[in-house]
Amino acid sequence: MYKFIEANELDINAFNKNNSKGHIFQTSYWADLKKDWSHKFIMGYDENNEVVLSATIILRKAPYINTYMGYIPRGFVCDYSNNQLLIDFTEFLREFAKRNKIAFITVDPDIHLNENEIIVDNGLETKNFLKSIGYKNTDSKNFEGIQPNFVFRLPLETEGDKEKIKKATFKNFSSKTRYNIKVAEDRGLSVEVYDNSNLNEDVLTKFHDIMVTTGKRDNFIVRHREYFKDMIVDLDPYCRLYMIKYSYEKDAARLNEKILKQQSIREKALPRIDEFKAKIAEETDEDKLHRLSKKLQEQENKVKESDRQIEGFKKKLTEIEPFKGQEIYLSGSIYLYYGNKAWYLYGASDNTLRDTMPNFLMQWAMIQDSIDLGCSIYDFRGVSGDLNPENPLYGLYKFKKGFNGNFVEFIGEFDLVVNPLIYNLYKKAFPKFKEVRNKIMNKRQK
């Protein structure tokens, strides 16, 4: 009924750009980025010769033996409600794996199992059907899988005036998130966007330095600097680097402006206080005395509040004094977009001046650009599926939740096993290898 053939990158890329479930990880751009892997492109056609499926398979040779491990990241891409298509392609994959000495192929489709902790019926049916036709399923709560199994995804309007869409999107954020974005703007942070046309080595180095700082703080492994450069080059024009910059001059100017404003309020209130005190001293009518006392209290409260704010702004000026004359990058992120989706792939933040809320401004900048690009989904990527506040990853969940996207659980990872011996060895050895590698990399970072 269906036929499957090796295809070229143009057809693969076009299908993923136009399919609602298409993914940048399923394009030739992503395959080219994975320089330690080889790759194959597969297209599926129905009896009318219409394209119904695409799969970018990246392949890595197992050490010391003449066999490969296969991975179809966030794919394959097709209509997963078409059971016959799934059966036929799975049989094709088995034969393809045998011909190409592939021990097993892992897939992790972009299919939702839960949205906001409510089961998605089609996702559950797909999960069960894939298991029924021979796939071994693995689920993860945190980041044990190749791709995160839990993400936040923000739906975006694509029809209408883009500035109105941005305003409506911002309004839908939590009050705390809106406040923090305004804090970042108020402190004078600025957003710089780089791609393959304007990236320079200094900015790339600074981003990587901040990534290393973040890795040490949050205990994760950071990729080499050149990998991020390769991303921006190989994924061009679909990859951008966002950097958030702090300027002492801007911050100090705004703080001084606020001090002057509060001093003005204070100076206007002081004569009113004297005026109301004089009137109270002469007044004998109880009702008028009550009204005058209330007005006096209002003015005295204004002075107290102004004094409090002036003291706070002066304290902040003292705190930022060590950065006088400097402009500093505080955070950065790698952003991808393709077809109808945009992704926040990597993020980093420095340990200094975190009270300026750079990460909130960075997310808002990427969301606005996603709206301009006509994307219908902005994917914040991974969070933990364990929502216990004691979980060390709970803060990441809270941060992303504040933008009011959908909390999504995917259907998980599925392994199509062709060589059980190699597969079982890999499953036992890889976690240990990963643990040893992480320890070595953590020592290097420290």
Protein backbone atom coordinates (compact mmCIF):
# COMPACT_ATOMS: atom_id res chain seq x y z
CA MET A 1 0.00 0.00 0.00
CA TYR A 2 2.80 2.40 0.91
CA LYS A 3 6.29 2.62 -0.51
CA PHE A 4 9.38 3.99 1.18
CA ILE A 5 12.54 5.13 -0.54
CA GLU A 6 15.72 6.95 0.33
CA ALA A 7 15.20 10.62 -0.49
CA ASN A 8 17.09 13.87 -0.92
CA GLU A 9 17.39 16.68 1.61
CA LEU A 10 15.21 19.11 -0.37
CA ASP A 11 12.17 16.82 -0.16
CA ILE A 12 12.79 16.08 3.52
CA ASN A 13 13.12 19.75 4.40
CA ALA A 14 10.05 20.81 2.40
CA PHE A 15 7.85 18.15 4.02
CA ASN A 16 8.92 19.13 7.52
CA LYS A 17 8.45 22.83 6.84
CA ASN A 18 4.87 22.34 5.66
CA ASN A 19 3.70 19.58 8.01
CA SER A 20 2.15 20.65 11.33
CA LYS A 21 4.18 17.95 13.08
CA GLY A 22 7.38 18.74 11.20
CA HIS A 23 10.46 19.44 13.27
CA ILE A 24 13.83 21.07 12.68
CA PHE A 25 15.44 17.94 14.20
CA GLN A 26 14.02 16.06 11.20
CA THR A 27 15.72 18.26 8.61
CA SER A 28 19.00 17.91 6.75
CA TYR A 29 20.23 20.98 8.65
CA TRP A 30 20.13 19.05 11.94
CA ALA A 31 21.66 15.95 10.35
CA ASP A 32 24.56 18.04 9.02
CA LEU A 33 25.14 19.46 12.50
CA LYS A 34 25.70 15.97 13.94
CA LYS A 35 29.19 15.57 12.57
CA ASP A 36 29.96 12.37 14.50
CA TRP A 37 26.92 10.71 12.95
CA SER A 38 26.04 9.64 9.43
CA HIS A 39 22.47 9.96 8.18
CA LYS A 40 19.81 8.62 5.86
CA PHE A 41 16.67 10.35 4.55
CA ILE A 42 13.50 8.29 3.99
CA MET A 43 10.26 9.41 2.35
CA GLY A 44 6.98 7.49 2.29
CA TYR A 45 4.42 7.66 -0.52
CA ASP A 46 0.82 6.44 -0.86
CA GLU A 47 -0.74 4.78 -3.91
CA ASN A 48 -1.31 8.21 -5.48
CA ASN A 49 2.38 8.99 -5.08
CA GLU A 50 1.60 11.64 -2.45
CA VAL A 51 4.15 12.12 0.33
CA VAL A 52 2.77 10.81 3.63
CA LEU A 53 5.88 10.33 5.78
CA SER A 54 9.44 11.51 6.28
CA ALA A 55 12.22 10.22 8.50
CA THR A 56 15.71 11.57 9.03
CA ILE A 57 17.72 8.76 10.60
CA ILE A 58 21.05 9.64 12.17
CA LEU A 59 23.45 6.74 12.67
CA ARG A 60 26.36 6.23 15.02
CA LYS A 61 28.74 3.31 14.87
CA ALA A 62 29.02 1.30 18.07
CA PRO A 63 32.58 1.14 19.43
CA TYR A 64 34.69 -1.86 18.33
CA ILE A 65 31.91 -3.65 16.44
CA ASN A 66 30.61 -3.30 12.91
CA THR A 67 27.10 -2.21 13.78
CA TYR A 68 25.19 1.04 14.20
CA MET A 69 22.71 2.67 16.53
CA GLY A 70 19.94 4.64 14.82
CA TYR A 71 17.93 7.60 16.03
CA ILE A 72 15.03 9.47 14.41
CA PRO A 73 14.90 12.65 16.56
CA ARG A 74 11.36 13.93 17.21
CA GLY A 75 10.15 11.75 14.36
CA PHE A 76 9.29 10.07 12.16
CA VAL A 77 6.79 12.61 10.78
CA CYS A 78 3.43 11.33 9.55
CA ASP A 79 -0.23 10.91 10.47
CA TYR A 80 0.04 8.69 13.55
CA SER A 81 -3.67 7.89 13.44
CA ASN A 82 -3.01 5.89 10.25
CA ASN A 83 -2.29 2.48 11.75
CA GLN A 84 -1.58 0.80 8.42
CA LEU A 85 1.05 3.42 7.62
CA LEU A 86 2.71 2.80 10.99
CA ILE A 87 2.70 -0.96 10.42
CA ASP A 88 4.12 -0.70 6.91
CA PHE A 89 6.83 1.77 7.86
CA THR A 90 7.84 -0.26 10.92
CA GLU A 91 8.32 -3.32 8.72
CA PHE A 92 10.34 -1.21 6.30
CA LEU A 93 12.49 0.06 9.19
CA ARG A 94 13.21 -3.49 10.37
CA GLU A 95 14.40 -4.54 6.93
CA PHE A 96 16.28 -1.27 6.46
CA ALA A 97 18.05 -1.81 9.81
CA LYS A 98 19.06 -5.36 8.88
CA ARG A 99 20.45 -4.24 5.51
CA ASN A 100 22.43 -1.41 7.07
CA LYS A 101 23.67 -3.29 10.17
CA ILE A 102 21.65 -1.12 12.58
CA ALA A 103 21.12 -2.85 15.95
CA PHE A 104 18.18 -0.70 16.97
CA ILE A 105 16.43 2.53 16.02
CA THR A 106 15.05 4.96 18.62
CA VAL A 107 12.16 7.30 17.85
CA ASP A 108 10.54 9.96 20.06
CA PRO A 109 7.65 11.41 18.05
CA ASP A 110 6.23 14.89 18.53
CA ILE A 111 2.94 13.44 19.81
CA HIS A 112 1.31 14.73 23.01
CA LEU A 113 0.24 12.23 25.67
CA ASN A 114 -0.87 14.80 28.26
CA GLU A 115 -1.60 18.52 28.07
CA ASN A 116 -1.85 20.34 31.40
CA GLU A 117 -2.06 16.92 33.09
CA ILE A 118 -5.11 15.91 31.03
CA ILE A 119 -4.75 12.81 28.88
CA VAL A 120 -4.84 13.28 25.10
CA ASP A 121 -6.82 10.33 23.74
CA ASN A 122 -5.09 10.20 20.35
CA GLY A 123 -1.69 10.28 22.04
CA LEU A 124 -2.58 7.38 24.35
CA GLU A 125 -3.87 5.36 21.40
CA THR A 126 -0.66 6.01 19.45
CA LYS A 127 1.51 5.05 22.42
CA ASN A 128 -0.33 1.77 22.90
CA PHE A 129 -0.35 0.97 19.20
CA LEU A 130 3.40 1.52 18.79
CA LYS A 131 3.99 -0.88 21.68
CA SER A 132 1.62 -3.40 20.12
CA ILE A 133 3.62 -3.52 16.87
CA GLY A 134 6.92 -4.22 18.58
CA TYR A 135 8.44 -0.99 19.91
CA LYS A 136 9.95 -0.99 23.40
CA ASN A 137 8.72 2.07 25.26
CA THR A 138 10.72 4.11 27.80
CA ASP A 139 9.29 7.05 29.75
CA SER A 140 11.19 9.58 31.84
CA LYS A 141 10.22 12.14 34.45
CA ASN A 142 13.31 14.32 34.38
CA PHE A 143 15.95 14.39 31.63
CA GLU A 144 16.89 10.72 31.37
CA GLY A 145 15.85 10.45 27.71
CA ILE A 146 17.55 11.75 24.60
CA GLN A 147 14.95 14.52 24.35
CA PRO A 148 12.98 15.94 27.29
CA ASN A 149 9.69 14.11 27.77
CA PHE A 150 8.04 17.14 29.40
CA VAL A 151 8.03 20.65 27.95
CA PHE A 152 6.09 23.89 28.04
CA ARG A 153 4.61 24.96 24.71
CA LEU A 154 3.08 28.38 24.21
CA PRO A 155 0.41 28.55 21.48
CA LEU A 156 0.68 31.71 19.37
CA GLU A 157 -1.91 33.39 17.18
CA THR A 158 -0.88 33.66 13.55
CA GLU A 159 -3.80 35.65 12.13
CA GLY A 160 -4.26 39.36 12.73
CA ASP A 161 -2.19 42.37 13.68
CA LYS A 162 1.10 41.16 15.14
CA GLU A 163 1.42 44.02 17.64
CA LYS A 164 -2.04 43.23 19.01
CA ILE A 165 -1.09 39.56 19.24
CA LYS A 166 2.02 40.51 21.23
CA LYS A 167 0.00 42.64 23.64
CA ALA A 168 -2.55 39.86 24.16
CA THR A 169 0.22 37.30 24.66
CA PHE A 170 1.97 39.50 27.23
CA LYS A 171 -1.30 40.10 29.07
CA ASN A 172 -1.77 36.34 29.41
CA PHE A 173 1.52 35.86 31.29
CA SER A 174 1.34 35.56 35.07
CA SER A 175 1.47 38.86 36.95
CA LYS A 176 4.89 37.94 38.38
CA THR A 177 6.30 37.21 34.91
CA ARG A 178 4.95 40.50 33.51
CA TYR A 179 6.46 42.33 36.48
CA ASN A 180 9.87 40.72 35.98
CA ILE A 181 9.91 41.60 32.26
CA LYS A 182 9.14 45.19 33.19
CA VAL A 183 11.93 45.14 35.81
CA ALA A 184 14.39 44.05 33.09
CA GLU A 185 13.20 46.79 30.75
CA ASP A 186 13.25 49.32 33.58
CA ARG A 187 16.83 48.44 34.50
CA GLY A 188 17.83 49.25 30.93
CA LEU A 189 18.71 45.76 29.70
CA SER A 190 19.01 45.44 25.94
CA VAL A 191 18.62 42.48 23.56
CA GLU A 192 21.18 41.65 20.88
CA VAL A 193 20.42 39.05 18.20
CA TYR A 194 23.11 37.25 16.20
CA ASP A 195 22.99 34.77 13.35
CA ASN A 196 25.40 33.55 10.72
CA SER A 197 25.47 36.99 9.08
CA ASN A 198 26.71 38.98 12.08
CA LEU A 199 28.08 36.54 14.67
CA ASN A 200 31.54 37.42 15.97
CA GLU A 201 34.03 35.37 17.95
CA ASP A 202 33.94 37.62 21.04
CA VAL A 203 30.18 37.26 21.47
CA LEU A 204 30.34 33.51 20.90
CA THR A 205 33.09 33.19 23.53
CA LYS A 206 31.09 35.24 26.02
CA PHE A 207 28.02 33.09 25.46
CA HIS A 208 30.05 29.93 26.01
CA ASP A 209 31.61 31.40 29.17
CA ILE A 210 28.12 32.08 30.55
CA MET A 211 27.07 28.53 29.56
CA VAL A 212 30.01 27.13 31.57
CA THR A 213 29.01 29.29 34.56
CA THR A 214 25.45 28.00 34.31
CA GLY A 215 26.64 24.40 33.98
CA LYS A 216 28.71 24.69 37.16
CA ARG A 217 25.82 26.28 39.04
CA ASP A 218 23.13 23.86 37.84
CA ASN A 219 25.32 20.77 37.49
CA PHE A 220 25.00 19.92 33.80
CA ILE A 221 27.50 19.23 31.04
CA VAL A 222 28.22 22.06 28.59
CA ARG A 223 29.03 21.40 24.95
CA HIS A 224 32.21 22.74 23.38
CA ARG A 225 32.25 26.30 22.11
CA GLU A 226 32.62 25.16 18.49
CA TYR A 227 29.40 23.16 18.69
CA PHE A 228 27.43 26.35 19.22
CA LYS A 229 29.24 27.99 16.34
CA ASP A 230 28.44 24.98 14.16
CA MET A 231 24.78 25.29 15.13
CA ILE A 232 24.58 28.89 13.96
CA VAL A 233 26.42 28.07 10.72
CA ASP A 234 24.86 24.68 9.85
CA LEU A 235 21.30 25.64 10.81
CA ASP A 236 21.45 28.99 9.02
CA PRO A 237 19.08 30.82 8.64
CA TYR A 238 17.02 28.98 11.28
CA CYS A 239 19.29 29.48 14.28
CA ARG A 240 19.91 32.64 16.29
CA LEU A 241 21.91 33.60 19.36
CA TYR A 242 20.19 36.02 21.76
CA MET A 243 22.32 37.95 24.23
CA ILE A 244 21.07 40.20 27.02
CA LYS A 245 23.35 43.12 27.86
CA TYR A 246 23.51 45.24 31.00
CA SER A 247 24.74 48.84 30.86
CA TYR A 248 25.81 50.57 34.06
CA GLU A 249 25.23 53.99 32.48
CA LYS A 250 21.62 53.16 31.56
CA ASP A 251 20.88 51.58 34.94
CA ALA A 252 22.45 54.43 36.93
CA ALA A 253 20.68 57.06 34.81
CA ARG A 254 17.30 55.45 35.40
CA LEU A 255 17.92 55.06 39.13
CA ASN A 256 18.95 58.71 39.43
CA GLU A 257 15.88 59.70 37.43
CA LYS A 258 13.69 57.75 39.87
CA ILE A 259 15.40 59.41 42.83
CA LEU A 260 14.69 62.85 41.35
CA LYS A 261 11.06 61.89 40.75
CA GLN A 262 10.59 60.75 44.36
CA GLN A 263 12.37 63.83 45.66
CA SER A 264 9.96 65.96 43.64
CA ILE A 265 6.97 64.10 45.12
CA ARG A 266 8.45 64.58 48.58
CA GLU A 267 9.10 68.27 48.08
CA LYS A 268 5.53 68.84 46.92
CA ALA A 269 4.12 66.94 49.89
CA LEU A 270 6.08 68.76 52.64
CA PRO A 271 4.35 72.17 52.24
CA ARG A 272 0.96 70.40 52.17
CA ILE A 273 1.82 68.73 55.47
CA ASP A 274 2.63 72.12 57.04
CA GLU A 275 -0.57 73.53 55.54
CA PHE A 276 -2.79 70.77 56.94
CA LYS A 277 -1.10 70.95 60.36
CA ALA A 278 -1.80 74.69 60.53
CA LYS A 279 -5.45 74.19 59.59
CA ILE A 280 -5.88 71.40 62.13
CA ALA A 281 -4.47 73.63 64.86
CA GLU A 282 -7.17 76.25 64.12
CA GLU A 283 -10.11 73.96 63.32
CA THR A 284 -12.76 73.08 65.93
CA ASP A 285 -15.34 71.29 63.78
CA GLU A 286 -15.04 67.51 64.32
CA ASP A 287 -15.99 66.51 60.75
CA LYS A 288 -13.55 68.99 59.22
CA LEU A 289 -10.85 67.88 61.65
CA HIS A 290 -11.37 64.28 60.56
CA ARG A 291 -11.08 65.20 56.88
CA LEU A 292 -8.01 67.33 57.45
CA SER A 293 -6.35 64.61 59.53
CA LYS A 294 -7.01 62.10 56.73
CA LYS A 295 -5.43 64.43 54.14
CA LEU A 296 -2.48 65.04 56.44
CA GLN A 297 -1.98 61.30 56.81
CA GLU A 298 -2.05 60.87 53.02
CA GLN A 299 0.70 63.45 52.56
CA GLU A 300 2.80 62.02 55.39
CA ASN A 301 2.45 58.57 53.82
CA LYS A 302 3.64 60.02 50.50
CA VAL A 303 6.76 61.38 52.18
CA LYS A 304 7.41 58.07 53.96
CA GLU A 305 6.99 56.11 50.74
CA SER A 306 9.24 58.53 48.84
CA ASP A 307 11.88 58.27 51.56
CA ARG A 308 11.64 54.48 51.39
CA GLN A 309 12.03 54.43 47.60
CA ILE A 310 14.84 56.99 47.59
CA GLU A 311 16.72 54.91 50.16
CA GLY A 312 16.17 51.78 48.03
CA PHE A 313 17.36 53.46 44.82
CA LYS A 314 20.45 54.87 46.54
CA LYS A 315 21.22 51.43 47.96
CA LYS A 316 20.89 49.97 44.45
CA LEU A 317 23.27 52.64 43.12
CA THR A 318 25.81 51.57 45.72
CA GLU A 319 25.36 47.90 44.76
CA ILE A 320 26.01 48.55 41.07
CA GLU A 321 28.99 50.83 41.69
CA PRO A 322 31.49 47.98 40.95
CA PHE A 323 30.11 47.87 37.38
CA LYS A 324 30.62 51.56 36.73
CA GLY A 325 31.61 52.22 33.14
CA GLN A 326 30.91 48.65 32.07
CA GLU A 327 28.56 46.86 29.69
CA ILE A 328 28.12 43.20 30.61
CA TYR A 329 26.40 40.23 28.98
CA LEU A 330 24.17 38.64 31.61
CA SER A 331 22.43 35.85 29.71
CA GLY A 332 22.17 34.21 26.33
CA SER A 333 20.21 31.58 24.45
CA ILE A 334 20.20 29.50 21.30
CA TYR A 335 16.90 29.85 19.44
CA LEU A 336 15.64 27.75 16.54
CA TYR A 337 12.66 28.18 14.24
CA TYR A 338 11.31 26.11 11.37
CA GLY A 339 7.90 25.75 9.78
CA ASN A 340 5.25 26.50 12.37
CA LYS A 341 7.46 26.15 15.46
CA ALA A 342 10.17 27.96 17.39
CA TRP A 343 12.33 26.47 20.14
CA TYR A 344 14.35 27.76 23.07
CA LEU A 345 17.14 25.20 22.83
CA TYR A 346 19.96 26.29 25.16
CA GLY A 347 19.96 28.97 27.82
CA ALA A 348 22.62 30.46 30.09
CA SER A 349 22.79 33.17 32.74
CA ASP A 350 25.64 34.71 34.70
CA ASN A 351 25.75 34.85 38.49
CA THR A 352 25.95 38.65 38.59
CA LEU A 353 23.07 41.14 38.52
CA ARG A 354 20.44 38.41 38.48
CA ASP A 355 17.98 40.82 40.10
CA THR A 356 17.75 42.62 36.73
CA MET A 357 15.74 39.60 35.45
CA PRO A 358 17.59 39.08 32.15
CA ASN A 359 16.10 35.64 31.46
CA PHE A 360 12.56 37.00 31.48
CA LEU A 361 13.42 39.68 28.94
CA MET A 362 15.26 37.10 26.82
CA GLN A 363 12.22 34.83 26.66
CA TRP A 364 9.92 37.73 25.83
CA ALA A 365 12.24 38.82 23.00
CA MET A 366 12.21 35.31 21.49
CA ILE A 367 8.43 35.01 21.85
CA GLN A 368 7.90 38.34 20.08
CA ASP A 369 10.20 37.29 17.25
CA SER A 370 8.33 33.99 16.96
CA ILE A 371 5.12 35.96 16.47
CA ASP A 372 6.82 38.07 13.78
CA LEU A 373 7.95 34.86 12.06
CA GLY A 374 4.38 33.52 11.99
CA CYS A 375 5.05 30.56 14.30
CA SER A 376 2.03 28.95 15.96
CA ILE A 377 4.08 27.28 18.73
CA TYR A 378 6.90 28.57 20.92
CA ASP A 379 8.52 25.62 22.67
CA PHE A 380 10.29 26.35 25.97
CA ARG A 381 11.70 22.81 25.87
CA GLY A 382 12.43 20.67 28.89
CA VAL A 383 11.08 20.71 32.41
CA SER A 384 10.75 17.93 34.96
CA GLY A 385 7.57 15.87 35.07
CA ASP A 386 8.01 15.60 38.84
CA LEU A 387 6.10 18.59 40.17
CA ASN A 388 7.14 18.14 43.79
CA PRO A 389 8.36 21.58 45.01
CA GLU A 390 11.28 19.74 46.68
CA ASN A 391 12.56 18.64 43.27
CA PRO A 392 15.73 20.65 42.41
CA LEU A 393 14.25 21.21 38.92
CA TYR A 394 11.02 22.72 40.26
CA GLY A 395 12.34 26.28 39.87
CA LEU A 396 12.76 25.70 36.13
CA TYR A 397 9.16 24.50 35.97
CA LYS A 398 7.92 27.61 37.81
CA PHE A 399 9.90 29.95 35.57
CA LYS A 400 8.49 28.49 32.35
CA LYS A 401 4.99 28.05 33.77
CA GLY A 402 4.83 31.81 34.35
CA PHE A 403 4.53 32.39 30.60
CA ASN A 404 1.26 30.41 30.70
CA GLY A 405 2.01 27.85 28.02
CA ASN A 406 0.70 24.31 27.94
CA PHE A 407 2.46 21.74 30.13
CA VAL A 408 3.02 18.90 27.65
CA GLU A 409 4.06 15.29 28.15
CA PHE A 410 5.12 13.46 24.97
CA ILE A 411 4.39 9.78 24.38
CA GLY A 412 8.02 8.90 25.14
CA GLU A 413 10.92 7.06 23.53
CA PHE A 414 10.40 3.91 21.48
CA ASP A 415 13.12 1.46 20.44
CA LEU A 416 12.73 -0.79 17.44
CA VAL A 417 15.14 -3.62 18.29
CA VAL A 418 16.76 -5.66 15.52
CA ASN A 419 19.78 -7.05 17.39
CA PRO A 420 18.73 -7.76 21.02
CA LEU A 421 22.27 -8.63 22.15
CA ILE A 422 23.77 -5.29 21.06
CA TYR A 423 20.68 -3.44 22.27
CA ASN A 424 20.88 -4.95 25.77
CA LEU A 425 24.60 -4.27 25.99
CA TYR A 426 23.99 -0.67 25.01
CA LYS A 427 21.19 -0.22 27.52
CA LYS A 428 23.42 -1.52 30.31
CA ALA A 429 26.63 0.20 29.26
CA PHE A 430 25.39 3.59 28.16
CA PRO A 431 24.09 4.82 31.57
CA LYS A 432 27.43 3.88 33.15
CA PHE A 433 29.36 5.52 30.34
CA LYS A 434 27.23 8.66 30.69
CA GLU A 435 27.82 8.74 34.46
CA VAL A 436 31.61 8.45 34.07
CA ARG A 437 31.66 11.02 31.25
CA ASN A 438 29.64 13.47 33.32
CA LYS A 439 31.99 13.13 36.28
CA ILE A 440 35.01 13.77 34.05
CA MET A 441 33.36 16.74 32.33
CA ASN A 442 32.23 18.20 35.65
CA LYS A 443 35.80 18.07 36.95
CA ARG A 444 37.05 19.82 33.81
CA GLN A 445 34.44 22.56 34.20
CA LYS A 446 35.42 23.14 37.82
